[in-house]
Amino acid sequence: MAKRGGFPGGGMPGNMANLMKQAQKMQRKMEEQAKELETKEFTATAGGGAVEVTVNGKKELQKVKLSEEVVDPDDIEMLEDLIVAAINEAMRQVDEESTSAMNKLTGGMGGGMPGMF
């Protein structure tokens, strides 16, 4: 007589092994996506292009480009604000790309998992 309960026919352990393989595959894809994201560059502008910044996928500032007309010694505060605005926009682009990549891997379930990249 077959024993009831437990894992009849070994079905559950097989499902667990399959789930583990899928999780490992997803983890590898996430690592690949993270490495790919790190190599990308994101450029944003402010002040109609007067300030341009470039950051990488690791959110490290790579370049700041200023047009001559925005460099006004009498209005340094405006220049500072434009630089901050451009950097924040570039960082937002990194976050958006990271979230988009995560959603592709998890079918939309990973959107609430910040810091995965």
PDB file of N, CA and C in Angstrom:
ATOM      1  N   MET A   1       0.843  -1.181   0.000  1.00  0.00           N
ATOM      2  CA  MET A   1       0.000   0.000   0.000  1.00  0.00           C
ATOM      3  C   MET A   1       0.883   1.237   0.000  1.00  0.00           C
ATOM      4  N   ALA A   2       0.528   2.210  -0.828  1.00  0.00           N
ATOM      5  CA  ALA A   2       1.331   3.425  -0.949  1.00  0.00           C
ATOM      6  C   ALA A   2       1.179   4.286   0.289  1.00  0.00           C
ATOM      7  N   LYS A   3       2.256   4.846   0.709  1.00  0.00           N
ATOM      8  CA  LYS A   3       2.260   5.719   1.868  1.00  0.00           C
ATOM      9  C   LYS A   3       1.710   7.090   1.472  1.00  0.00           C
ATOM     10  N   ARG A   4       0.797   7.605   2.254  1.00  0.00           N
ATOM     11  CA  ARG A   4       0.203   8.915   1.953  1.00  0.00           C
ATOM     12  C   ARG A   4       1.026  10.014   2.623  1.00  0.00           C
ATOM     13  N   GLY A   5       0.997  11.195   1.988  1.00  0.00           N
ATOM     14  CA  GLY A   5       1.762  12.311   2.538  1.00  0.00           C
ATOM     15  C   GLY A   5       3.179  12.278   1.991  1.00  0.00           C
ATOM     16  N   GLY A   6       3.979  13.132   2.485  1.00  0.00           N
ATOM     17  CA  GLY A   6       5.367  13.180   2.024  1.00  0.00           C
ATOM     18  C   GLY A   6       5.441  13.616   0.573  1.00  0.00           C
ATOM     19  N   PHE A   7       6.303  12.960  -0.184  1.00  0.00           N
ATOM     20  CA  PHE A   7       6.507  13.288  -1.590  1.00  0.00           C
ATOM     21  C   PHE A   7       6.246  12.061  -2.440  1.00  0.00           C
ATOM     22  N   PRO A   8       4.974  11.757  -2.730  1.00  0.00           N
ATOM     23  CA  PRO A   8       4.665  10.558  -3.499  1.00  0.00           C
ATOM     24  C   PRO A   8       5.266  10.637  -4.900  1.00  0.00           C
ATOM     25  N   GLY A   9       5.889   9.567  -5.303  1.00  0.00           N
ATOM     26  CA  GLY A   9       6.442   9.489  -6.644  1.00  0.00           C
ATOM     27  C   GLY A   9       7.608  10.433  -6.879  1.00  0.00           C
ATOM     28  N   GLY A  10       8.097  11.057  -5.853  1.00  0.00           N
ATOM     29  CA  GLY A  10       9.237  11.960  -6.022  1.00  0.00           C
ATOM     30  C   GLY A  10       8.880  13.236  -6.770  1.00  0.00           C
ATOM     31  N   GLY A  11       7.596  13.553  -6.924  1.00  0.00           N
ATOM     32  CA  GLY A  11       7.167  14.714  -7.703  1.00  0.00           C
ATOM     33  C   GLY A  11       7.637  16.037  -7.135  1.00  0.00           C
ATOM     34  N   MET A  12       7.528  16.212  -5.857  1.00  0.00           N
ATOM     35  CA  MET A  12       7.878  17.491  -5.260  1.00  0.00           C
ATOM     36  C   MET A  12       9.371  17.773  -5.340  1.00  0.00           C
ATOM     37  N   PRO A  13      10.237  16.822  -5.007  1.00  0.00           N
ATOM     38  CA  PRO A  13      11.664  17.113  -5.139  1.00  0.00           C
ATOM     39  C   PRO A  13      12.040  17.480  -6.581  1.00  0.00           C
ATOM     40  N   GLY A  14      11.410  16.864  -7.568  1.00  0.00           N
ATOM     41  CA  GLY A  14      11.680  17.208  -8.965  1.00  0.00           C
ATOM     42  C   GLY A  14      11.288  18.640  -9.264  1.00  0.00           C
ATOM     43  N   ASN A  15      10.137  19.056  -8.728  1.00  0.00           N
ATOM     44  CA  ASN A  15       9.703  20.442  -8.918  1.00  0.00           C
ATOM     45  C   ASN A  15      10.663  21.412  -8.240  1.00  0.00           C
ATOM     46  N   MET A  16      11.142  21.033  -7.077  1.00  0.00           N
ATOM     47  CA  MET A  16      12.085  21.894  -6.358  1.00  0.00           C
ATOM     48  C   MET A  16      13.391  22.023  -7.141  1.00  0.00           C
ATOM     49  N   ALA A  17      13.862  20.923  -7.706  1.00  0.00           N
ATOM     50  CA  ALA A  17      15.090  20.965  -8.501  1.00  0.00           C
ATOM     51  C   ALA A  17      14.897  21.872  -9.708  1.00  0.00           C
ATOM     52  N   ASN A  18      13.732  21.787 -10.331  1.00  0.00           N
ATOM     53  CA  ASN A  18      13.432  22.622 -11.491  1.00  0.00           C
ATOM     54  C   ASN A  18      13.381  24.096 -11.082  1.00  0.00           C
ATOM     55  N   LEU A  19      12.762  24.376  -9.947  1.00  0.00           N
ATOM     56  CA  LEU A  19      12.706  25.747  -9.451  1.00  0.00           C
ATOM     57  C   LEU A  19      14.105  26.288  -9.154  1.00  0.00           C
ATOM     58  N   MET A  20      14.952  25.450  -8.586  1.00  0.00           N
ATOM     59  CA  MET A  20      16.320  25.867  -8.284  1.00  0.00           C
ATOM     60  C   MET A  20      17.080  26.176  -9.570  1.00  0.00           C
ATOM     61  N   LYS A  21      16.898  25.355 -10.595  1.00  0.00           N
ATOM     62  CA  LYS A  21      17.561  25.602 -11.883  1.00  0.00           C
ATOM     63  C   LYS A  21      17.082  26.915 -12.474  1.00  0.00           C
ATOM     64  N   GLN A  22      15.776  27.167 -12.391  1.00  0.00           N
ATOM     65  CA  GLN A  22      15.230  28.421 -12.923  1.00  0.00           C
ATOM     66  C   GLN A  22      15.771  29.615 -12.140  1.00  0.00           C
ATOM     67  N   ALA A  23      15.869  29.485 -10.831  1.00  0.00           N
ATOM     68  CA  ALA A  23      16.391  30.574 -10.000  1.00  0.00           C
ATOM     69  C   ALA A  23      17.855  30.844 -10.327  1.00  0.00           C
ATOM     70  N   GLN A  24      18.637  29.785 -10.523  1.00  0.00           N
ATOM     71  CA  GLN A  24      20.046  29.963 -10.867  1.00  0.00           C
ATOM     72  C   GLN A  24      20.190  30.615 -12.236  1.00  0.00           C
ATOM     73  N   LYS A  25      19.341  30.219 -13.175  1.00  0.00           N
ATOM     74  CA  LYS A  25      19.371  30.810 -14.516  1.00  0.00           C
ATOM     75  C   LYS A  25      19.023  32.297 -14.438  1.00  0.00           C
ATOM     76  N   MET A  26      18.002  32.634 -13.648  1.00  0.00           N
ATOM     77  CA  MET A  26      17.608  34.035 -13.494  1.00  0.00           C
ATOM     78  C   MET A  26      18.731  34.829 -12.836  1.00  0.00           C
ATOM     79  N   GLN A  27      19.400  34.235 -11.854  1.00  0.00           N
ATOM     80  CA  GLN A  27      20.493  34.925 -11.178  1.00  0.00           C
ATOM     81  C   GLN A  27      21.629  35.212 -12.159  1.00  0.00           C
ATOM     82  N   ARG A  28      21.958  34.251 -13.018  1.00  0.00           N
ATOM     83  CA  ARG A  28      23.008  34.467 -14.024  1.00  0.00           C
ATOM     84  C   ARG A  28      22.612  35.603 -14.965  1.00  0.00           C
ATOM     85  N   LYS A  29      21.344  35.610 -15.386  1.00  0.00           N
ATOM     86  CA  LYS A  29      20.881  36.669 -16.280  1.00  0.00           C
ATOM     87  C   LYS A  29      20.935  38.022 -15.590  1.00  0.00           C
ATOM     88  N   MET A  30      20.583  38.060 -14.310  1.00  0.00           N
ATOM     89  CA  MET A  30      20.634  39.315 -13.562  1.00  0.00           C
ATOM     90  C   MET A  30      22.072  39.822 -13.477  1.00  0.00           C
ATOM     91  N   GLU A  31      23.018  38.914 -13.241  1.00  0.00           N
ATOM     92  CA  GLU A  31      24.421  39.305 -13.163  1.00  0.00           C
ATOM     93  C   GLU A  31      24.905  39.836 -14.510  1.00  0.00           C
ATOM     94  N   GLU A  32      24.495  39.176 -15.598  1.00  0.00           N
ATOM     95  CA  GLU A  32      24.863  39.638 -16.935  1.00  0.00           C
ATOM     96  C   GLU A  32      24.281  41.019 -17.208  1.00  0.00           C
ATOM     97  N   GLN A  33      23.007  41.223 -16.835  1.00  0.00           N
ATOM     98  CA  GLN A  33      22.362  42.520 -17.035  1.00  0.00           C
ATOM     99  C   GLN A  33      23.083  43.607 -16.238  1.00  0.00           C
ATOM    100  N   ALA A  34      23.474  43.278 -15.008  1.00  0.00           N
ATOM    101  CA  ALA A  34      24.159  44.259 -14.161  1.00  0.00           C
ATOM    102  C   ALA A  34      25.493  44.660 -14.786  1.00  0.00           C
ATOM    103  N   LYS A  35      26.248  43.679 -15.299  1.00  0.00           N
ATOM    104  CA  LYS A  35      27.532  43.985 -15.932  1.00  0.00           C
ATOM    105  C   LYS A  35      27.327  44.820 -17.187  1.00  0.00           C
ATOM    106  N   GLU A  36      26.306  44.485 -17.957  1.00  0.00           N
ATOM    107  CA  GLU A  36      26.008  45.242 -19.165  1.00  0.00           C
ATOM    108  C   GLU A  36      25.616  46.678 -18.821  1.00  0.00           C
ATOM    109  N   LEU A  37      24.806  46.836 -17.789  1.00  0.00           N
ATOM    110  CA  LEU A  37      24.368  48.168 -17.372  1.00  0.00           C
ATOM    111  C   LEU A  37      25.564  49.023 -16.955  1.00  0.00           C
ATOM    112  N   GLU A  38      26.526  48.412 -16.255  1.00  0.00           N
ATOM    113  CA  GLU A  38      27.690  49.154 -15.776  1.00  0.00           C
ATOM    114  C   GLU A  38      28.498  49.749 -16.923  1.00  0.00           C
ATOM    115  N   THR A  39      28.480  49.123 -18.084  1.00  0.00           N
ATOM    116  CA  THR A  39      29.276  49.603 -19.209  1.00  0.00           C
ATOM    117  C   THR A  39      28.567  50.685 -20.019  1.00  0.00           C
ATOM    118  N   LYS A  40      27.276  50.851 -19.797  1.00  0.00           N
ATOM    119  CA  LYS A  40      26.518  51.855 -20.547  1.00  0.00           C
ATOM    120  C   LYS A  40      26.781  53.243 -20.001  1.00  0.00           C
ATOM    121  N   GLU A  41      26.593  54.231 -20.881  1.00  0.00           N
ATOM    122  CA  GLU A  41      26.691  55.625 -20.464  1.00  0.00           C
ATOM    123  C   GLU A  41      25.349  56.303 -20.678  1.00  0.00           C
ATOM    124  N   PHE A  42      25.011  57.210 -19.778  1.00  0.00           N
ATOM    125  CA  PHE A  42      23.752  57.935 -19.822  1.00  0.00           C
ATOM    126  C   PHE A  42      24.071  59.423 -19.806  1.00  0.00           C
ATOM    127  N   THR A  43      23.573  60.133 -20.807  1.00  0.00           N
ATOM    128  CA  THR A  43      23.842  61.555 -20.930  1.00  0.00           C
ATOM    129  C   THR A  43      22.540  62.328 -20.778  1.00  0.00           C
ATOM    130  N   ALA A  44      22.606  63.409 -20.016  1.00  0.00           N
ATOM    131  CA  ALA A  44      21.436  64.273 -19.826  1.00  0.00           C
ATOM    132  C   ALA A  44      21.894  65.723 -19.915  1.00  0.00           C
ATOM    133  N   THR A  45      20.955  66.569 -20.308  1.00  0.00           N
ATOM    134  CA  THR A  45      21.258  67.994 -20.429  1.00  0.00           C
ATOM    135  C   THR A  45      20.285  68.812 -19.592  1.00  0.00           C
ATOM    136  N   ALA A  46      20.677  70.058 -19.348  1.00  0.00           N
ATOM    137  CA  ALA A  46      19.812  71.024 -18.658  1.00  0.00           C
ATOM    138  C   ALA A  46      20.090  72.392 -19.269  1.00  0.00           C
ATOM    139  N   GLY A  47      19.139  73.283 -19.092  1.00  0.00           N
ATOM    140  CA  GLY A  47      19.294  74.636 -19.607  1.00  0.00           C
ATOM    141  C   GLY A  47      19.353  74.676 -21.123  1.00  0.00           C
ATOM    142  N   GLY A  48      18.551  73.845 -21.764  1.00  0.00           N
ATOM    143  CA  GLY A  48      18.524  73.828 -23.218  1.00  0.00           C
ATOM    144  C   GLY A  48      19.824  73.334 -23.826  1.00  0.00           C
ATOM    145  N   GLY A  49      20.543  72.501 -23.106  1.00  0.00           N
ATOM    146  CA  GLY A  49      21.797  71.955 -23.610  1.00  0.00           C
ATOM    147  C   GLY A  49      23.023  72.711 -23.130  1.00  0.00           C
ATOM    148  N   ALA A  50      22.823  73.721 -22.315  1.00  0.00           N
ATOM    149  CA  ALA A  50      23.952  74.515 -21.802  1.00  0.00           C
ATOM    150  C   ALA A  50      24.837  73.690 -20.873  1.00  0.00           C
ATOM    151  N   VAL A  51      24.244  72.714 -20.195  1.00  0.00           N
ATOM    152  CA  VAL A  51      24.982  71.804 -19.316  1.00  0.00           C
ATOM    153  C   VAL A  51      24.685  70.381 -19.771  1.00  0.00           C
ATOM    154  N   GLU A  52      25.736  69.604 -19.953  1.00  0.00           N
ATOM    155  CA  GLU A  52      25.575  68.201 -20.346  1.00  0.00           C
ATOM    156  C   GLU A  52      26.437  67.355 -19.428  1.00  0.00           C
ATOM    157  N   VAL A  53      25.846  66.306 -18.876  1.00  0.00           N
ATOM    158  CA  VAL A  53      26.606  65.396 -18.015  1.00  0.00           C
ATOM    159  C   VAL A  53      26.439  63.967 -18.523  1.00  0.00           C
ATOM    160  N   THR A  54      27.460  63.164 -18.242  1.00  0.00           N
ATOM    161  CA  THR A  54      27.425  61.751 -18.594  1.00  0.00           C
ATOM    162  C   THR A  54      27.789  60.948 -17.353  1.00  0.00           C
ATOM    163  N   VAL A  55      26.962  59.950 -17.059  1.00  0.00           N
ATOM    164  CA  VAL A  55      27.237  59.025 -15.953  1.00  0.00           C
ATOM    165  C   VAL A  55      27.252  57.616 -16.519  1.00  0.00           C
ATOM    166  N   ASN A  56      27.908  56.712 -15.804  1.00  0.00           N
ATOM    167  CA  ASN A  56      27.866  55.311 -16.235  1.00  0.00           C
ATOM    168  C   ASN A  56      26.795  54.570 -15.447  1.00  0.00           C
ATOM    169  N   GLY A  57      26.605  53.299 -15.762  1.00  0.00           N
ATOM    170  CA  GLY A  57      25.578  52.498 -15.117  1.00  0.00           C
ATOM    171  C   GLY A  57      25.822  52.250 -13.646  1.00  0.00           C
ATOM    172  N   LYS A  58      27.028  52.554 -13.173  1.00  0.00           N
ATOM    173  CA  LYS A  58      27.329  52.435 -11.744  1.00  0.00           C
ATOM    174  C   LYS A  58      27.048  53.742 -11.019  1.00  0.00           C
ATOM    175  N   LYS A  59      26.427  54.689 -11.751  1.00  0.00           N
ATOM    176  CA  LYS A  59      26.085  56.010 -11.223  1.00  0.00           C
ATOM    177  C   LYS A  59      27.326  56.816 -10.838  1.00  0.00           C
ATOM    178  N   GLU A  60      28.381  56.648 -11.624  1.00  0.00           N
ATOM    179  CA  GLU A  60      29.588  57.436 -11.442  1.00  0.00           C
ATOM    180  C   GLU A  60      29.614  58.516 -12.516  1.00  0.00           C
ATOM    181  N   LEU A  61      29.820  59.757 -12.099  1.00  0.00           N
ATOM    182  CA  LEU A  61      29.888  60.874 -13.029  1.00  0.00           C
ATOM    183  C   LEU A  61      31.143  60.716 -13.884  1.00  0.00           C
ATOM    184  N   GLN A  62      30.968  60.730 -15.201  1.00  0.00           N
ATOM    185  CA  GLN A  62      32.077  60.540 -16.118  1.00  0.00           C
ATOM    186  C   GLN A  62      32.532  61.843 -16.775  1.00  0.00           C
ATOM    187  N   LYS A  63      31.557  62.732 -17.063  1.00  0.00           N
ATOM    188  CA  LYS A  63      31.911  63.928 -17.815  1.00  0.00           C
ATOM    189  C   LYS A  63      30.893  65.035 -17.544  1.00  0.00           C
ATOM    190  N   VAL A  64      31.382  66.266 -17.499  1.00  0.00           N
ATOM    191  CA  VAL A  64      30.546  67.453 -17.414  1.00  0.00           C
ATOM    192  C   VAL A  64      30.989  68.378 -18.537  1.00  0.00           C
ATOM    193  N   LYS A  65      30.030  68.818 -19.339  1.00  0.00           N
ATOM    194  CA  LYS A  65      30.332  69.730 -20.446  1.00  0.00           C
ATOM    195  C   LYS A  65      29.475  70.980 -20.277  1.00  0.00           C
ATOM    196  N   LEU A  66      30.132  72.148 -20.288  1.00  0.00           N
ATOM    197  CA  LEU A  66      29.437  73.420 -20.114  1.00  0.00           C
ATOM    198  C   LEU A  66      29.629  74.275 -21.366  1.00  0.00           C
ATOM    199  N   SER A  67      28.561  74.907 -21.806  1.00  0.00           N
ATOM    200  CA  SER A  67      28.709  75.865 -22.902  1.00  0.00           C
ATOM    201  C   SER A  67      29.169  77.191 -22.308  1.00  0.00           C
ATOM    202  N   GLU A  68      29.919  77.958 -23.080  1.00  0.00           N
ATOM    203  CA  GLU A  68      30.502  79.208 -22.579  1.00  0.00           C
ATOM    204  C   GLU A  68      29.469  80.166 -22.015  1.00  0.00           C
ATOM    205  N   GLU A  69      28.315  80.278 -22.691  1.00  0.00           N
ATOM    206  CA  GLU A  69      27.329  81.272 -22.258  1.00  0.00           C
ATOM    207  C   GLU A  69      26.715  80.981 -20.895  1.00  0.00           C
ATOM    208  N   VAL A  70      26.818  79.747 -20.423  1.00  0.00           N
ATOM    209  CA  VAL A  70      26.238  79.426 -19.124  1.00  0.00           C
ATOM    210  C   VAL A  70      27.208  79.750 -17.981  1.00  0.00           C
ATOM    211  N   VAL A  71      28.457  80.002 -18.309  1.00  0.00           N
ATOM    212  CA  VAL A  71      29.453  80.317 -17.287  1.00  0.00           C
ATOM    213  C   VAL A  71      29.441  81.831 -17.055  1.00  0.00           C
ATOM    214  N   ASP A  72      28.601  82.235 -16.111  1.00  0.00           N
ATOM    215  CA  ASP A  72      28.442  83.653 -15.767  1.00  0.00           C
ATOM    216  C   ASP A  72      28.900  83.840 -14.319  1.00  0.00           C
ATOM    217  N   PRO A  73      30.029  84.526 -14.116  1.00  0.00           N
ATOM    218  CA  PRO A  73      30.535  84.690 -12.753  1.00  0.00           C
ATOM    219  C   PRO A  73      29.550  85.404 -11.821  1.00  0.00           C
ATOM    220  N   ASP A  74      28.610  86.131 -12.410  1.00  0.00           N
ATOM    221  CA  ASP A  74      27.624  86.837 -11.589  1.00  0.00           C
ATOM    222  C   ASP A  74      26.416  85.970 -11.251  1.00  0.00           C
ATOM    223  N   ASP A  75      26.326  84.788 -11.834  1.00  0.00           N
ATOM    224  CA  ASP A  75      25.171  83.919 -11.577  1.00  0.00           C
ATOM    225  C   ASP A  75      25.622  82.457 -11.451  1.00  0.00           C
ATOM    226  N   ILE A  76      26.516  82.219 -10.524  1.00  0.00           N
ATOM    227  CA  ILE A  76      27.041  80.871 -10.297  1.00  0.00           C
ATOM    228  C   ILE A  76      25.934  79.933  -9.811  1.00  0.00           C
ATOM    229  N   GLU A  77      24.986  80.481  -9.054  1.00  0.00           N
ATOM    230  CA  GLU A  77      23.897  79.659  -8.515  1.00  0.00           C
ATOM    231  C   GLU A  77      23.092  79.000  -9.637  1.00  0.00           C
ATOM    232  N   MET A  78      22.844  79.703 -10.729  1.00  0.00           N
ATOM    233  CA  MET A  78      22.108  79.115 -11.850  1.00  0.00           C
ATOM    234  C   MET A  78      22.893  77.948 -12.450  1.00  0.00           C
ATOM    235  N   LEU A  79      24.197  78.128 -12.619  1.00  0.00           N
ATOM    236  CA  LEU A  79      25.037  77.066 -13.160  1.00  0.00           C
ATOM    237  C   LEU A  79      25.016  75.845 -12.239  1.00  0.00           C
ATOM    238  N   GLU A  80      25.116  76.070 -10.958  1.00  0.00           N
ATOM    239  CA  GLU A  80      25.069  74.969  -9.996  1.00  0.00           C
ATOM    240  C   GLU A  80      23.741  74.215 -10.104  1.00  0.00           C
ATOM    241  N   ASP A  81      22.640  74.959 -10.204  1.00  0.00           N
ATOM    242  CA  ASP A  81      21.320  74.337 -10.326  1.00  0.00           C
ATOM    243  C   ASP A  81      21.199  73.513 -11.606  1.00  0.00           C
ATOM    244  N   LEU A  82      21.741  74.028 -12.697  1.00  0.00           N
ATOM    245  CA  LEU A  82      21.686  73.294 -13.969  1.00  0.00           C
ATOM    246  C   LEU A  82      22.500  72.008 -13.902  1.00  0.00           C
ATOM    247  N   ILE A  83      23.652  72.066 -13.258  1.00  0.00           N
ATOM    248  CA  ILE A  83      24.487  70.861 -13.117  1.00  0.00           C
ATOM    249  C   ILE A  83      23.745  69.817 -12.288  1.00  0.00           C
ATOM    250  N   VAL A  84      23.161  70.241 -11.179  1.00  0.00           N
ATOM    251  CA  VAL A  84      22.405  69.313 -10.331  1.00  0.00           C
ATOM    252  C   VAL A  84      21.245  68.697 -11.112  1.00  0.00           C
ATOM    253  N   ALA A  85      20.516  69.521 -11.870  1.00  0.00           N
ATOM    254  CA  ALA A  85      19.372  69.026 -12.640  1.00  0.00           C
ATOM    255  C   ALA A  85      19.817  68.001 -13.684  1.00  0.00           C
ATOM    256  N   ALA A  86      20.908  68.278 -14.366  1.00  0.00           N
ATOM    257  CA  ALA A  86      21.393  67.345 -15.389  1.00  0.00           C
ATOM    258  C   ALA A  86      21.859  66.031 -14.768  1.00  0.00           C
ATOM    259  N   ILE A  87      22.567  66.112 -13.660  1.00  0.00           N
ATOM    260  CA  ILE A  87      23.036  64.888 -12.991  1.00  0.00           C
ATOM    261  C   ILE A  87      21.848  64.066 -12.500  1.00  0.00           C
ATOM    262  N   ASN A  88      20.868  64.715 -11.898  1.00  0.00           N
ATOM    263  CA  ASN A  88      19.694  63.987 -11.409  1.00  0.00           C
ATOM    264  C   ASN A  88      18.955  63.299 -12.556  1.00  0.00           C
ATOM    265  N   GLU A  89      18.852  63.948 -13.697  1.00  0.00           N
ATOM    266  CA  GLU A  89      18.194  63.345 -14.853  1.00  0.00           C
ATOM    267  C   GLU A  89      18.984  62.137 -15.357  1.00  0.00           C
ATOM    268  N   ALA A  90      20.297  62.247 -15.407  1.00  0.00           N
ATOM    269  CA  ALA A  90      21.116  61.113 -15.845  1.00  0.00           C
ATOM    270  C   ALA A  90      20.969  59.940 -14.876  1.00  0.00           C
ATOM    271  N   MET A  91      20.946  60.214 -13.596  1.00  0.00           N
ATOM    272  CA  MET A  91      20.771  59.149 -12.595  1.00  0.00           C
ATOM    273  C   MET A  91      19.396  58.508 -12.731  1.00  0.00           C
ATOM    274  N   ARG A  92      18.375  59.318 -13.036  1.00  0.00           N
ATOM    275  CA  ARG A  92      17.038  58.779 -13.240  1.00  0.00           C
ATOM    276  C   ARG A  92      17.041  57.824 -14.431  1.00  0.00           C
ATOM    277  N   GLN A  93      17.786  58.158 -15.472  1.00  0.00           N
ATOM    278  CA  GLN A  93      17.881  57.290 -16.644  1.00  0.00           C
ATOM    279  C   GLN A  93      18.513  55.947 -16.286  1.00  0.00           C
ATOM    280  N   VAL A  94      19.538  55.968 -15.430  1.00  0.00           N
ATOM    281  CA  VAL A  94      20.171  54.719 -14.982  1.00  0.00           C
ATOM    282  C   VAL A  94      19.148  53.873 -14.230  1.00  0.00           C
ATOM    283  N   ASP A  95      18.411  54.504 -13.318  1.00  0.00           N
ATOM    284  CA  ASP A  95      17.399  53.774 -12.546  1.00  0.00           C
ATOM    285  C   ASP A  95      16.330  53.188 -13.457  1.00  0.00           C
ATOM    286  N   GLU A  96      15.898  53.972 -14.434  1.00  0.00           N
ATOM    287  CA  GLU A  96      14.863  53.514 -15.359  1.00  0.00           C
ATOM    288  C   GLU A  96      15.347  52.305 -16.170  1.00  0.00           C
ATOM    289  N   GLU A  97      16.572  52.365 -16.647  1.00  0.00           N
ATOM    290  CA  GLU A  97      17.148  51.247 -17.412  1.00  0.00           C
ATOM    291  C   GLU A  97      17.275  50.007 -16.537  1.00  0.00           C
ATOM    292  N   SER A  98      17.711  50.201 -15.300  1.00  0.00           N
ATOM    293  CA  SER A  98      17.870  49.091 -14.366  1.00  0.00           C
ATOM    294  C   SER A  98      16.521  48.438 -14.072  1.00  0.00           C
ATOM    295  N   THR A  99      15.503  49.245 -13.813  1.00  0.00           N
ATOM    296  CA  THR A  99      14.168  48.728 -13.529  1.00  0.00           C
ATOM    297  C   THR A  99      13.602  48.004 -14.741  1.00  0.00           C
ATOM    298  N   SER A 100      13.809  48.574 -15.911  1.00  0.00           N
ATOM    299  CA  SER A 100      13.319  47.959 -17.143  1.00  0.00           C
ATOM    300  C   SER A 100      13.966  46.593 -17.362  1.00  0.00           C
ATOM    301  N   ALA A 101      15.270  46.508 -17.156  1.00  0.00           N
ATOM    302  CA  ALA A 101      15.979  45.237 -17.321  1.00  0.00           C
ATOM    303  C   ALA A 101      15.480  44.209 -16.311  1.00  0.00           C
ATOM    304  N   MET A 102      15.252  44.641 -15.071  1.00  0.00           N
ATOM    305  CA  MET A 102      14.763  43.724 -14.035  1.00  0.00           C
ATOM    306  C   MET A 102      13.367  43.226 -14.385  1.00  0.00           C
ATOM    307  N   ASN A 103      12.510  44.116 -14.863  1.00  0.00           N
ATOM    308  CA  ASN A 103      11.150  43.722 -15.216  1.00  0.00           C
ATOM    309  C   ASN A 103      11.133  42.710 -16.358  1.00  0.00           C
ATOM    310  N   LYS A 104      12.058  42.842 -17.292  1.00  0.00           N
ATOM    311  CA  LYS A 104      12.144  41.875 -18.389  1.00  0.00           C
ATOM    312  C   LYS A 104      12.504  40.495 -17.861  1.00  0.00           C
ATOM    313  N   LEU A 105      13.381  40.449 -16.855  1.00  0.00           N
ATOM    314  CA  LEU A 105      13.816  39.162 -16.305  1.00  0.00           C
ATOM    315  C   LEU A 105      12.755  38.515 -15.421  1.00  0.00           C
ATOM    316  N   THR A 106      12.021  39.340 -14.683  1.00  0.00           N
ATOM    317  CA  THR A 106      11.104  38.788 -13.688  1.00  0.00           C
ATOM    318  C   THR A 106       9.650  38.863 -14.114  1.00  0.00           C
ATOM    319  N   GLY A 107       9.399  39.317 -15.323  1.00  0.00           N
ATOM    320  CA  GLY A 107       8.025  39.429 -15.781  1.00  0.00           C
ATOM    321  C   GLY A 107       7.254  40.497 -15.037  1.00  0.00           C
ATOM    322  N   GLY A 108       7.950  41.525 -14.552  1.00  0.00           N
ATOM    323  CA  GLY A 108       7.294  42.630 -13.862  1.00  0.00           C
ATOM    324  C   GLY A 108       7.251  42.477 -12.367  1.00  0.00           C
ATOM    325  N   MET A 109       7.647  41.310 -11.844  1.00  0.00           N
ATOM    326  CA  MET A 109       7.605  41.105 -10.396  1.00  0.00           C
ATOM    327  C   MET A 109       8.755  41.787  -9.682  1.00  0.00           C
ATOM    328  N   GLY A 110       9.825  42.168 -10.392  1.00  0.00           N
ATOM    329  CA  GLY A 110      11.004  42.725  -9.748  1.00  0.00           C
ATOM    330  C   GLY A 110      10.986  44.225  -9.613  1.00  0.00           C
ATOM    331  N   GLY A 111       9.934  44.883 -10.048  1.00  0.00           N
ATOM    332  CA  GLY A 111       9.882  46.340 -10.020  1.00  0.00           C
ATOM    333  C   GLY A 111      10.032  46.929  -8.631  1.00  0.00           C
ATOM    334  N   GLY A 112       9.605  46.185  -7.610  1.00  0.00           N
ATOM    335  CA  GLY A 112       9.692  46.704  -6.256  1.00  0.00           C
ATOM    336  C   GLY A 112      10.919  46.237  -5.526  1.00  0.00           C
ATOM    337  N   MET A 113      11.963  45.865  -6.251  1.00  0.00           N
ATOM    338  CA  MET A 113      13.171  45.349  -5.622  1.00  0.00           C
ATOM    339  C   MET A 113      14.334  46.299  -5.908  1.00  0.00           C
ATOM    340  N   PRO A 114      14.386  47.457  -5.268  1.00  0.00           N
ATOM    341  CA  PRO A 114      15.459  48.416  -5.541  1.00  0.00           C
ATOM    342  C   PRO A 114      16.809  47.871  -5.117  1.00  0.00           C
ATOM    343  N   GLY A 115      17.826  48.360  -5.761  1.00  0.00           N
ATOM    344  CA  GLY A 115      19.176  47.964  -5.400  1.00  0.00           C
ATOM    345  C   GLY A 115      19.631  46.644  -5.960  1.00  0.00           C
ATOM    346  N   MET A 116      18.859  46.072  -6.864  1.00  0.00           N
ATOM    347  CA  MET A 116      19.258  44.783  -7.431  1.00  0.00           C
ATOM    348  C   MET A 116      20.409  44.932  -8.405  1.00  0.00           C
ATOM    349  N   PHE A 117      20.619  46.132  -8.922  1.00  0.00           N
ATOM    350  CA  PHE A 117      21.711  46.364  -9.876  1.00  0.00           C
ATOM    351  C   PHE A 117      22.693  47.320  -9.296  1.00  0.00           C
TER     352      PHE A 117
END
